[in-house]
Amino acid sequence: MSTLAQGTQGLPRPQRRFALLPTAALLLGALYCLLPVAWVVVAATKSGTELFSTFSLLPGTGFAGNLADLNAYREGVYWRWMANSLLYAGVGAALSTAVSACAGYALAVYRFRGREAVFHTILAGVLVPPVILAIPQYLLMARADMTDTYLSVLLPLILSPYGVYLGRVYARAAVPAELIEAGRMDGAGEGRIFLRIAVPMMSPGLVTIFLFQFVAIWNNFLLPYIMLGDDTKFPMTVGLFTLLAQGSSTPALYTLVITGALLAIVPLIALFLVIQRFWSLDLLSGAVKS
């Protein structure tokens, strides 16, 4: 007998049915989210003829051919887009995590005039959609003659208001004030206390910030679409969009887009599998220790 059935066995029949509603709602939500992913997985295995002739969730026979065509398209430009996405997401998330750690720690530990005003301003930045900032960021980069460069995509991604907010919250929860004072009494400098004491204790939260930023940058479309003109610098999102736009006149490119979209999921799944133990159990245990 399942755990859910055991838990509802002693309830009256109307309450037992009501207790199953949340589980049913969660199952429907999971199905709603996973069905497009399942369709992409199945569609990537179909050739162009199979893709347009039938609509079903049965796998096709053209996955190997789709991979070969994607690899041969413009001398493998797709893998250049993949490398660019890894560069933008990896470097951008690492720099953003470092800035969020420093800023969050400073806002949590140090007392200075205007601290709360600074924090509330950063918190207000969480409410601003990134799409609103894309055009001003482009104008700033154009003024600095930095458009169509890797830095034009990386620099706007370094400061994350949400990352700073998480850094402050986790620094206050995971780093005891007594431990900081003990380090100062032992003669350690502020930089050493931060690097040797605070950062290891904040590491589960910093991994979470890195994860959020990596996924956000990996899926970012508008900023690189506005900033970049050279398609060899495109990330995956913009590159696949250009293929999709060309598909209206060349339908054979649709299979490349679908296969490329499937491969674009693989790094995110690998990232979740590698660091899931940090951002679930360790993050929870660090919060409880406070």
C-alpha atoms as a PDB file:
ATOM      1  CA  MET A   1       0.000   0.000   0.000  1.00  0.00           C
ATOM      2  CA  SER A   2       1.369   3.409  -0.921  1.00  0.00           C
ATOM      3  CA  THR A   3       2.311   6.057   1.664  1.00  0.00           C
ATOM      4  CA  LEU A   4      -0.471   8.333   0.434  1.00  0.00           C
ATOM      5  CA  ALA A   5      -3.061   5.579   0.795  1.00  0.00           C
ATOM      6  CA  GLN A   6      -1.813   4.756   4.311  1.00  0.00           C
ATOM      7  CA  GLY A   7      -1.960   8.406   5.311  1.00  0.00           C
ATOM      8  CA  THR A   8      -5.571   8.793   4.169  1.00  0.00           C
ATOM      9  CA  GLN A   9      -6.838   5.401   5.325  1.00  0.00           C
ATOM     10  CA  GLY A  10      -8.154   6.641   8.665  1.00  0.00           C
ATOM     11  CA  LEU A  11      -9.982   9.659   7.228  1.00  0.00           C
ATOM     12  CA  PRO A  12     -13.688   9.754   6.395  1.00  0.00           C
ATOM     13  CA  ARG A  13     -14.446   9.158   2.735  1.00  0.00           C
ATOM     14  CA  PRO A  14     -15.198  12.845   1.825  1.00  0.00           C
ATOM     15  CA  GLN A  15     -12.011  14.032   3.543  1.00  0.00           C
ATOM     16  CA  ARG A  16     -10.041  11.214   1.927  1.00  0.00           C
ATOM     17  CA  ARG A  17     -11.148  12.347  -1.520  1.00  0.00           C
ATOM     18  CA  PHE A  18     -10.321  15.956  -0.684  1.00  0.00           C
ATOM     19  CA  ALA A  19      -6.841  14.918   0.502  1.00  0.00           C
ATOM     20  CA  LEU A  20      -6.141  13.439  -2.925  1.00  0.00           C
ATOM     21  CA  LEU A  21      -6.886  16.721  -4.725  1.00  0.00           C
ATOM     22  CA  PRO A  22      -3.472  18.363  -4.069  1.00  0.00           C
ATOM     23  CA  THR A  23      -1.691  15.281  -5.365  1.00  0.00           C
ATOM     24  CA  ALA A  24      -3.899  15.210  -8.465  1.00  0.00           C
ATOM     25  CA  ALA A  25      -3.252  18.912  -9.058  1.00  0.00           C
ATOM     26  CA  LEU A  26       0.500  18.382  -8.758  1.00  0.00           C
ATOM     27  CA  LEU A  27       0.360  15.458 -11.176  1.00  0.00           C
ATOM     28  CA  LEU A  28      -1.555  17.569 -13.693  1.00  0.00           C
ATOM     29  CA  GLY A  29       0.952  20.396 -13.295  1.00  0.00           C
ATOM     30  CA  ALA A  30       3.859  18.000 -13.815  1.00  0.00           C
ATOM     31  CA  LEU A  31       2.163  16.572 -16.902  1.00  0.00           C
ATOM     32  CA  TYR A  32       1.562  20.075 -18.251  1.00  0.00           C
ATOM     33  CA  CYS A  33       5.248  20.972 -17.808  1.00  0.00           C
ATOM     34  CA  LEU A  34       6.723  17.695 -19.026  1.00  0.00           C
ATOM     35  CA  LEU A  35       4.527  17.142 -22.075  1.00  0.00           C
ATOM     36  CA  PRO A  36       6.358  19.762 -24.252  1.00  0.00           C
ATOM     37  CA  VAL A  37       9.691  18.270 -23.177  1.00  0.00           C
ATOM     38  CA  ALA A  38       8.479  14.801 -24.115  1.00  0.00           C
ATOM     39  CA  TRP A  39       7.315  16.123 -27.493  1.00  0.00           C
ATOM     40  CA  VAL A  40      10.744  17.686 -28.166  1.00  0.00           C
ATOM     41  CA  VAL A  41      12.466  14.414 -27.284  1.00  0.00           C
ATOM     42  CA  VAL A  42      10.198  12.445 -29.612  1.00  0.00           C
ATOM     43  CA  ALA A  43      10.197  15.042 -32.411  1.00  0.00           C
ATOM     44  CA  ALA A  44      14.009  15.109 -32.445  1.00  0.00           C
ATOM     45  CA  THR A  45      13.976  11.445 -33.455  1.00  0.00           C
ATOM     46  CA  LYS A  46      11.826  12.072 -36.532  1.00  0.00           C
ATOM     47  CA  SER A  47      12.956  12.930 -40.019  1.00  0.00           C
ATOM     48  CA  GLY A  48      11.429  15.847 -41.869  1.00  0.00           C
ATOM     49  CA  THR A  49       8.906  13.616 -43.596  1.00  0.00           C
ATOM     50  CA  GLU A  50       7.848  11.930 -40.348  1.00  0.00           C
ATOM     51  CA  LEU A  51       7.647  15.242 -38.505  1.00  0.00           C
ATOM     52  CA  PHE A  52       5.210  16.873 -40.917  1.00  0.00           C
ATOM     53  CA  SER A  53       3.210  13.811 -41.957  1.00  0.00           C
ATOM     54  CA  THR A  54       2.042  12.545 -38.560  1.00  0.00           C
ATOM     55  CA  PHE A  55       1.602  13.924 -35.050  1.00  0.00           C
ATOM     56  CA  SER A  56       2.244  11.321 -32.391  1.00  0.00           C
ATOM     57  CA  LEU A  57       4.421  10.651 -29.372  1.00  0.00           C
ATOM     58  CA  LEU A  58       5.946   7.579 -30.997  1.00  0.00           C
ATOM     59  CA  PRO A  59       9.686   7.877 -31.747  1.00  0.00           C
ATOM     60  CA  GLY A  60      10.878   8.143 -35.313  1.00  0.00           C
ATOM     61  CA  THR A  61      13.904   6.861 -37.197  1.00  0.00           C
ATOM     62  CA  GLY A  62      15.739  10.062 -38.103  1.00  0.00           C
ATOM     63  CA  PHE A  63      17.630  11.052 -34.948  1.00  0.00           C
ATOM     64  CA  ALA A  64      21.042  10.045 -36.274  1.00  0.00           C
ATOM     65  CA  GLY A  65      20.390  11.888 -39.529  1.00  0.00           C
ATOM     66  CA  ASN A  66      19.206  14.976 -37.665  1.00  0.00           C
ATOM     67  CA  LEU A  67      22.391  15.002 -35.592  1.00  0.00           C
ATOM     68  CA  ALA A  68      24.515  14.647 -38.702  1.00  0.00           C
ATOM     69  CA  ASP A  69      22.664  17.482 -40.451  1.00  0.00           C
ATOM     70  CA  LEU A  70      22.948  19.715 -37.382  1.00  0.00           C
ATOM     71  CA  ASN A  71      26.659  19.006 -37.116  1.00  0.00           C
ATOM     72  CA  ALA A  72      27.157  19.747 -40.824  1.00  0.00           C
ATOM     73  CA  TYR A  73      25.088  22.942 -40.905  1.00  0.00           C
ATOM     74  CA  ARG A  74      27.441  25.831 -41.699  1.00  0.00           C
ATOM     75  CA  GLU A  75      30.465  23.791 -40.610  1.00  0.00           C
ATOM     76  CA  GLY A  76      29.111  23.102 -37.143  1.00  0.00           C
ATOM     77  CA  VAL A  77      28.073  26.623 -36.151  1.00  0.00           C
ATOM     78  CA  TYR A  78      25.625  25.086 -33.676  1.00  0.00           C
ATOM     79  CA  TRP A  79      28.508  23.920 -31.478  1.00  0.00           C
ATOM     80  CA  ARG A  80      29.886  27.449 -31.594  1.00  0.00           C
ATOM     81  CA  TRP A  81      26.545  28.655 -30.266  1.00  0.00           C
ATOM     82  CA  MET A  82      26.687  25.985 -27.575  1.00  0.00           C
ATOM     83  CA  ALA A  83      30.179  27.105 -26.553  1.00  0.00           C
ATOM     84  CA  ASN A  84      29.043  30.740 -26.481  1.00  0.00           C
ATOM     85  CA  SER A  85      26.113  29.843 -24.227  1.00  0.00           C
ATOM     86  CA  LEU A  86      28.448  27.985 -21.881  1.00  0.00           C
ATOM     87  CA  LEU A  87      30.749  31.015 -21.843  1.00  0.00           C
ATOM     88  CA  TYR A  88      27.976  33.530 -21.168  1.00  0.00           C
ATOM     89  CA  ALA A  89      26.210  31.375 -18.588  1.00  0.00           C
ATOM     90  CA  GLY A  90      29.298  29.989 -16.848  1.00  0.00           C
ATOM     91  CA  VAL A  91      31.361  33.172 -16.614  1.00  0.00           C
ATOM     92  CA  GLY A  92      28.325  35.397 -16.089  1.00  0.00           C
ATOM     93  CA  ALA A  93      26.925  33.206 -13.311  1.00  0.00           C
ATOM     94  CA  ALA A  94      30.335  32.941 -11.601  1.00  0.00           C
ATOM     95  CA  LEU A  95      30.895  36.715 -11.648  1.00  0.00           C
ATOM     96  CA  SER A  96      27.323  37.393 -10.569  1.00  0.00           C
ATOM     97  CA  THR A  97      27.677  34.927  -7.691  1.00  0.00           C
ATOM     98  CA  ALA A  98      30.905  36.603  -6.549  1.00  0.00           C
ATOM     99  CA  VAL A  99      29.306  40.071  -6.633  1.00  0.00           C
ATOM    100  CA  SER A 100      26.186  38.793  -4.880  1.00  0.00           C
ATOM    101  CA  ALA A 101      28.297  37.157  -2.160  1.00  0.00           C
ATOM    102  CA  CYS A 102      30.315  40.317  -1.490  1.00  0.00           C
ATOM    103  CA  ALA A 103      27.332  42.659  -1.629  1.00  0.00           C
ATOM    104  CA  GLY A 104      25.050  40.375   0.373  1.00  0.00           C
ATOM    105  CA  TYR A 105      27.687  39.814   3.049  1.00  0.00           C
ATOM    106  CA  ALA A 106      28.361  43.548   3.341  1.00  0.00           C
ATOM    107  CA  LEU A 107      24.660  44.371   3.650  1.00  0.00           C
ATOM    108  CA  ALA A 108      24.161  41.650   6.248  1.00  0.00           C
ATOM    109  CA  VAL A 109      27.226  42.190   8.452  1.00  0.00           C
ATOM    110  CA  TYR A 110      28.290  45.833   8.290  1.00  0.00           C
ATOM    111  CA  ARG A 111      26.277  48.739   9.640  1.00  0.00           C
ATOM    112  CA  PHE A 112      26.593  51.976   7.711  1.00  0.00           C
ATOM    113  CA  ARG A 113      24.460  54.966   6.911  1.00  0.00           C
ATOM    114  CA  GLY A 114      22.006  54.261   4.134  1.00  0.00           C
ATOM    115  CA  ARG A 115      22.323  50.484   4.360  1.00  0.00           C
ATOM    116  CA  GLU A 116      18.584  49.877   4.407  1.00  0.00           C
ATOM    117  CA  ALA A 117      18.020  52.368   1.594  1.00  0.00           C
ATOM    118  CA  VAL A 118      20.595  50.564  -0.535  1.00  0.00           C
ATOM    119  CA  PHE A 119      19.010  47.204   0.238  1.00  0.00           C
ATOM    120  CA  HIS A 120      15.506  48.434  -0.554  1.00  0.00           C
ATOM    121  CA  THR A 121      16.729  49.907  -3.823  1.00  0.00           C
ATOM    122  CA  ILE A 122      18.272  46.558  -4.765  1.00  0.00           C
ATOM    123  CA  LEU A 123      15.110  44.799  -3.663  1.00  0.00           C
ATOM    124  CA  ALA A 124      13.074  47.101  -5.916  1.00  0.00           C
ATOM    125  CA  GLY A 125      15.316  46.004  -8.776  1.00  0.00           C
ATOM    126  CA  VAL A 126      13.977  42.469  -8.341  1.00  0.00           C
ATOM    127  CA  LEU A 127      10.572  43.755  -9.420  1.00  0.00           C
ATOM    128  CA  VAL A 128      11.883  45.317 -12.641  1.00  0.00           C
ATOM    129  CA  PRO A 129      11.553  42.933 -15.621  1.00  0.00           C
ATOM    130  CA  PRO A 130      14.880  42.495 -17.449  1.00  0.00           C
ATOM    131  CA  VAL A 131      13.172  43.262 -20.759  1.00  0.00           C
ATOM    132  CA  ILE A 132      12.704  46.873 -19.634  1.00  0.00           C
ATOM    133  CA  LEU A 133      16.444  47.294 -19.088  1.00  0.00           C
ATOM    134  CA  ALA A 134      17.545  45.777 -22.406  1.00  0.00           C
ATOM    135  CA  ILE A 135      17.229  48.954 -24.489  1.00  0.00           C
ATOM    136  CA  PRO A 136      18.965  51.253 -21.926  1.00  0.00           C
ATOM    137  CA  GLN A 137      21.753  48.689 -21.593  1.00  0.00           C
ATOM    138  CA  TYR A 138      22.149  48.625 -25.368  1.00  0.00           C
ATOM    139  CA  LEU A 139      22.373  52.428 -25.484  1.00  0.00           C
ATOM    140  CA  LEU A 140      25.036  52.404 -22.763  1.00  0.00           C
ATOM    141  CA  MET A 141      27.068  49.749 -24.580  1.00  0.00           C
ATOM    142  CA  ALA A 142      26.696  51.613 -27.870  1.00  0.00           C
ATOM    143  CA  ARG A 143      27.936  54.784 -26.157  1.00  0.00           C
ATOM    144  CA  ALA A 144      30.984  52.859 -24.951  1.00  0.00           C
ATOM    145  CA  ASP A 145      31.465  51.312 -28.416  1.00  0.00           C
ATOM    146  CA  MET A 146      31.147  47.809 -26.959  1.00  0.00           C
ATOM    147  CA  THR A 147      28.186  46.425 -28.887  1.00  0.00           C
ATOM    148  CA  ASP A 148      28.632  43.169 -30.821  1.00  0.00           C
ATOM    149  CA  THR A 149      31.224  41.941 -28.314  1.00  0.00           C
ATOM    150  CA  TYR A 150      31.189  39.233 -25.687  1.00  0.00           C
ATOM    151  CA  LEU A 151      31.470  41.865 -22.957  1.00  0.00           C
ATOM    152  CA  SER A 152      28.279  43.558 -24.141  1.00  0.00           C
ATOM    153  CA  VAL A 153      26.396  40.433 -23.057  1.00  0.00           C
ATOM    154  CA  LEU A 154      28.474  39.586 -19.977  1.00  0.00           C
ATOM    155  CA  LEU A 155      28.699  42.976 -18.245  1.00  0.00           C
ATOM    156  CA  PRO A 156      24.937  43.616 -17.813  1.00  0.00           C
ATOM    157  CA  LEU A 157      24.568  40.153 -16.280  1.00  0.00           C
ATOM    158  CA  ILE A 158      27.096  40.596 -13.463  1.00  0.00           C
ATOM    159  CA  LEU A 159      24.811  42.478 -11.086  1.00  0.00           C
ATOM    160  CA  SER A 160      21.717  40.489 -10.138  1.00  0.00           C
ATOM    161  CA  PRO A 161      19.367  42.172  -7.637  1.00  0.00           C
ATOM    162  CA  TYR A 162      17.822  38.830  -6.799  1.00  0.00           C
ATOM    163  CA  GLY A 163      21.269  37.317  -6.270  1.00  0.00           C
ATOM    164  CA  VAL A 164      22.259  40.148  -3.910  1.00  0.00           C
ATOM    165  CA  TYR A 165      19.004  39.667  -2.016  1.00  0.00           C
ATOM    166  CA  LEU A 166      19.660  35.940  -1.620  1.00  0.00           C
ATOM    167  CA  GLY A 167      23.261  36.655  -0.617  1.00  0.00           C
ATOM    168  CA  ARG A 168      22.141  39.006   2.169  1.00  0.00           C
ATOM    169  CA  VAL A 169      19.468  36.643   3.434  1.00  0.00           C
ATOM    170  CA  TYR A 170      21.793  33.659   3.499  1.00  0.00           C
ATOM    171  CA  ALA A 171      24.717  35.601   5.014  1.00  0.00           C
ATOM    172  CA  ARG A 172      22.489  36.659   7.904  1.00  0.00           C
ATOM    173  CA  ALA A 173      21.233  33.098   8.366  1.00  0.00           C
ATOM    174  CA  ALA A 174      24.450  31.120   7.943  1.00  0.00           C
ATOM    175  CA  VAL A 175      27.239  33.327   9.359  1.00  0.00           C
ATOM    176  CA  PRO A 176      26.957  33.914  13.134  1.00  0.00           C
ATOM    177  CA  ALA A 177      27.996  37.373  14.324  1.00  0.00           C
ATOM    178  CA  GLU A 178      29.895  35.748  17.213  1.00  0.00           C
ATOM    179  CA  LEU A 179      32.140  33.891  14.793  1.00  0.00           C
ATOM    180  CA  ILE A 180      32.978  37.093  12.945  1.00  0.00           C
ATOM    181  CA  GLU A 181      33.821  38.836  16.215  1.00  0.00           C
ATOM    182  CA  ALA A 182      36.003  35.889  17.232  1.00  0.00           C
ATOM    183  CA  GLY A 183      37.922  36.190  13.978  1.00  0.00           C
ATOM    184  CA  ARG A 184      38.448  39.908  14.547  1.00  0.00           C
ATOM    185  CA  MET A 185      39.703  39.284  18.079  1.00  0.00           C
ATOM    186  CA  ASP A 186      42.201  36.774  16.689  1.00  0.00           C
ATOM    187  CA  GLY A 187      43.582  39.531  14.442  1.00  0.00           C
ATOM    188  CA  ALA A 188      42.139  38.369  11.143  1.00  0.00           C
ATOM    189  CA  GLY A 189      41.393  41.067   8.583  1.00  0.00           C
ATOM    190  CA  GLU A 190      37.953  41.598   7.102  1.00  0.00           C
ATOM    191  CA  GLY A 191      38.965  40.077   3.785  1.00  0.00           C
ATOM    192  CA  ARG A 192      40.340  36.972   5.449  1.00  0.00           C
ATOM    193  CA  ILE A 193      37.227  36.587   7.597  1.00  0.00           C
ATOM    194  CA  PHE A 194      35.073  36.802   4.500  1.00  0.00           C
ATOM    195  CA  LEU A 195      37.109  34.329   2.452  1.00  0.00           C
ATOM    196  CA  ARG A 196      38.039  31.841   5.174  1.00  0.00           C
ATOM    197  CA  ILE A 197      34.939  31.925   7.386  1.00  0.00           C
ATOM    198  CA  ALA A 198      31.945  33.454   5.617  1.00  0.00           C
ATOM    199  CA  VAL A 199      32.327  32.004   2.118  1.00  0.00           C
ATOM    200  CA  PRO A 200      32.580  28.329   3.251  1.00  0.00           C
ATOM    201  CA  MET A 201      29.519  28.770   5.454  1.00  0.00           C
ATOM    202  CA  MET A 202      27.640  30.526   2.664  1.00  0.00           C
ATOM    203  CA  SER A 203      28.659  28.007   0.007  1.00  0.00           C
ATOM    204  CA  PRO A 204      25.276  26.195  -0.244  1.00  0.00           C
ATOM    205  CA  GLY A 205      23.528  29.529  -0.780  1.00  0.00           C
ATOM    206  CA  LEU A 206      26.161  30.654  -3.282  1.00  0.00           C
ATOM    207  CA  VAL A 207      25.690  27.427  -5.240  1.00  0.00           C
ATOM    208  CA  THR A 208      21.979  28.190  -5.353  1.00  0.00           C
ATOM    209  CA  ILE A 209      22.656  31.713  -6.639  1.00  0.00           C
ATOM    210  CA  PHE A 210      24.995  30.269  -9.276  1.00  0.00           C
ATOM    211  CA  LEU A 211      22.337  27.797 -10.354  1.00  0.00           C
ATOM    212  CA  PHE A 212      19.632  30.449 -10.689  1.00  0.00           C
ATOM    213  CA  GLN A 213      21.926  32.777 -12.612  1.00  0.00           C
ATOM    214  CA  PHE A 214      23.237  30.045 -14.907  1.00  0.00           C
ATOM    215  CA  VAL A 215      19.715  29.006 -15.895  1.00  0.00           C
ATOM    216  CA  ALA A 216      18.576  32.620 -16.342  1.00  0.00           C
ATOM    217  CA  ILE A 217      21.552  33.508 -18.544  1.00  0.00           C
ATOM    218  CA  TRP A 218      21.328  30.245 -20.491  1.00  0.00           C
ATOM    219  CA  ASN A 219      17.713  31.025 -21.371  1.00  0.00           C
ATOM    220  CA  ASN A 220      18.318  34.736 -21.979  1.00  0.00           C
ATOM    221  CA  PHE A 221      17.264  35.822 -25.438  1.00  0.00           C
ATOM    222  CA  LEU A 222      16.503  39.534 -25.716  1.00  0.00           C
ATOM    223  CA  LEU A 223      19.798  40.949 -24.435  1.00  0.00           C
ATOM    224  CA  PRO A 224      22.112  39.000 -26.806  1.00  0.00           C
ATOM    225  CA  TYR A 225      19.590  39.448 -29.622  1.00  0.00           C
ATOM    226  CA  ILE A 226      19.852  43.230 -29.245  1.00  0.00           C
ATOM    227  CA  MET A 227      23.565  43.430 -28.497  1.00  0.00           C
ATOM    228  CA  LEU A 228      25.034  41.039 -31.075  1.00  0.00           C
ATOM    229  CA  GLY A 229      25.166  41.240 -34.846  1.00  0.00           C
ATOM    230  CA  ASP A 230      27.810  38.610 -35.625  1.00  0.00           C
ATOM    231  CA  ASP A 231      26.080  35.227 -35.583  1.00  0.00           C
ATOM    232  CA  THR A 232      29.304  33.473 -34.546  1.00  0.00           C
ATOM    233  CA  LYS A 233      28.889  35.182 -31.160  1.00  0.00           C
ATOM    234  CA  PHE A 234      25.253  34.170 -30.761  1.00  0.00           C
ATOM    235  CA  PRO A 235      24.230  32.036 -27.797  1.00  0.00           C
ATOM    236  CA  MET A 236      22.023  29.016 -28.296  1.00  0.00           C
ATOM    237  CA  THR A 237      18.741  30.886 -27.906  1.00  0.00           C
ATOM    238  CA  VAL A 238      19.454  33.481 -30.591  1.00  0.00           C
ATOM    239  CA  GLY A 239      21.075  30.961 -32.923  1.00  0.00           C
ATOM    240  CA  LEU A 240      18.090  28.620 -32.813  1.00  0.00           C
ATOM    241  CA  PHE A 241      15.766  31.586 -33.329  1.00  0.00           C
ATOM    242  CA  THR A 242      17.574  32.498 -36.537  1.00  0.00           C
ATOM    243  CA  LEU A 243      17.216  28.903 -37.719  1.00  0.00           C
ATOM    244  CA  LEU A 244      13.528  28.975 -36.873  1.00  0.00           C
ATOM    245  CA  ALA A 245      13.061  32.218 -38.810  1.00  0.00           C
ATOM    246  CA  GLN A 246      14.756  30.671 -41.849  1.00  0.00           C
ATOM    247  CA  GLY A 247      12.535  27.606 -41.528  1.00  0.00           C
ATOM    248  CA  SER A 248       9.577  29.455 -43.054  1.00  0.00           C
ATOM    249  CA  SER A 249      11.371  29.358 -46.404  1.00  0.00           C
ATOM    250  CA  THR A 250      13.379  26.172 -45.767  1.00  0.00           C
ATOM    251  CA  PRO A 251      11.195  23.691 -43.816  1.00  0.00           C
ATOM    252  CA  ALA A 252      14.060  21.210 -43.566  1.00  0.00           C
ATOM    253  CA  LEU A 253      15.622  23.486 -40.926  1.00  0.00           C
ATOM    254  CA  TYR A 254      12.799  22.754 -38.492  1.00  0.00           C
ATOM    255  CA  THR A 255      14.294  19.365 -37.680  1.00  0.00           C
ATOM    256  CA  LEU A 256      17.604  21.082 -36.907  1.00  0.00           C
ATOM    257  CA  VAL A 257      15.857  23.522 -34.565  1.00  0.00           C
ATOM    258  CA  ILE A 258      14.113  20.722 -32.679  1.00  0.00           C
ATOM    259  CA  THR A 259      17.267  18.632 -32.408  1.00  0.00           C
ATOM    260  CA  GLY A 260      19.233  21.676 -31.269  1.00  0.00           C
ATOM    261  CA  ALA A 261      16.579  22.477 -28.656  1.00  0.00           C
ATOM    262  CA  LEU A 262      16.857  18.937 -27.301  1.00  0.00           C
ATOM    263  CA  LEU A 263      20.642  19.166 -27.019  1.00  0.00           C
ATOM    264  CA  ALA A 264      20.299  22.554 -25.301  1.00  0.00           C
ATOM    265  CA  ILE A 265      18.496  20.869 -22.393  1.00  0.00           C
ATOM    266  CA  VAL A 266      21.351  18.451 -21.709  1.00  0.00           C
ATOM    267  CA  PRO A 267      23.760  20.914 -19.980  1.00  0.00           C
ATOM    268  CA  LEU A 268      20.994  22.145 -17.672  1.00  0.00           C
ATOM    269  CA  ILE A 269      20.053  18.596 -16.678  1.00  0.00           C
ATOM    270  CA  ALA A 270      23.717  17.788 -16.042  1.00  0.00           C
ATOM    271  CA  LEU A 271      24.103  20.922 -13.918  1.00  0.00           C
ATOM    272  CA  PHE A 272      21.070  20.038 -11.797  1.00  0.00           C
ATOM    273  CA  LEU A 273      22.310  16.486 -11.269  1.00  0.00           C
ATOM    274  CA  VAL A 274      25.777  17.644 -10.229  1.00  0.00           C
ATOM    275  CA  ILE A 275      24.837  20.340  -7.719  1.00  0.00           C
ATOM    276  CA  GLN A 276      21.408  19.244  -6.494  1.00  0.00           C
ATOM    277  CA  ARG A 277      22.850  18.023  -3.188  1.00  0.00           C
ATOM    278  CA  PHE A 278      24.187  21.533  -2.497  1.00  0.00           C
ATOM    279  CA  TRP A 279      21.075  23.559  -3.203  1.00  0.00           C
ATOM    280  CA  SER A 280      18.605  21.237  -1.477  1.00  0.00           C
ATOM    281  CA  LEU A 281      19.864  19.435   1.624  1.00  0.00           C
ATOM    282  CA  ASP A 282      22.873  21.636   2.362  1.00  0.00           C
ATOM    283  CA  LEU A 283      20.936  24.851   1.883  1.00  0.00           C
ATOM    284  CA  LEU A 284      18.215  23.629   4.224  1.00  0.00           C
ATOM    285  CA  SER A 285      20.692  22.481   6.845  1.00  0.00           C
ATOM    286  CA  GLY A 286      22.540  25.805   6.671  1.00  0.00           C
ATOM    287  CA  ALA A 287      19.316  27.709   7.250  1.00  0.00           C
ATOM    288  CA  VAL A 288      18.386  25.479  10.201  1.00  0.00           C
ATOM    289  CA  LYS A 289      21.783  26.043  11.847  1.00  0.00           C
ATOM    290  CA  SER A 290      21.020  29.729  12.176  1.00  0.00           C
END
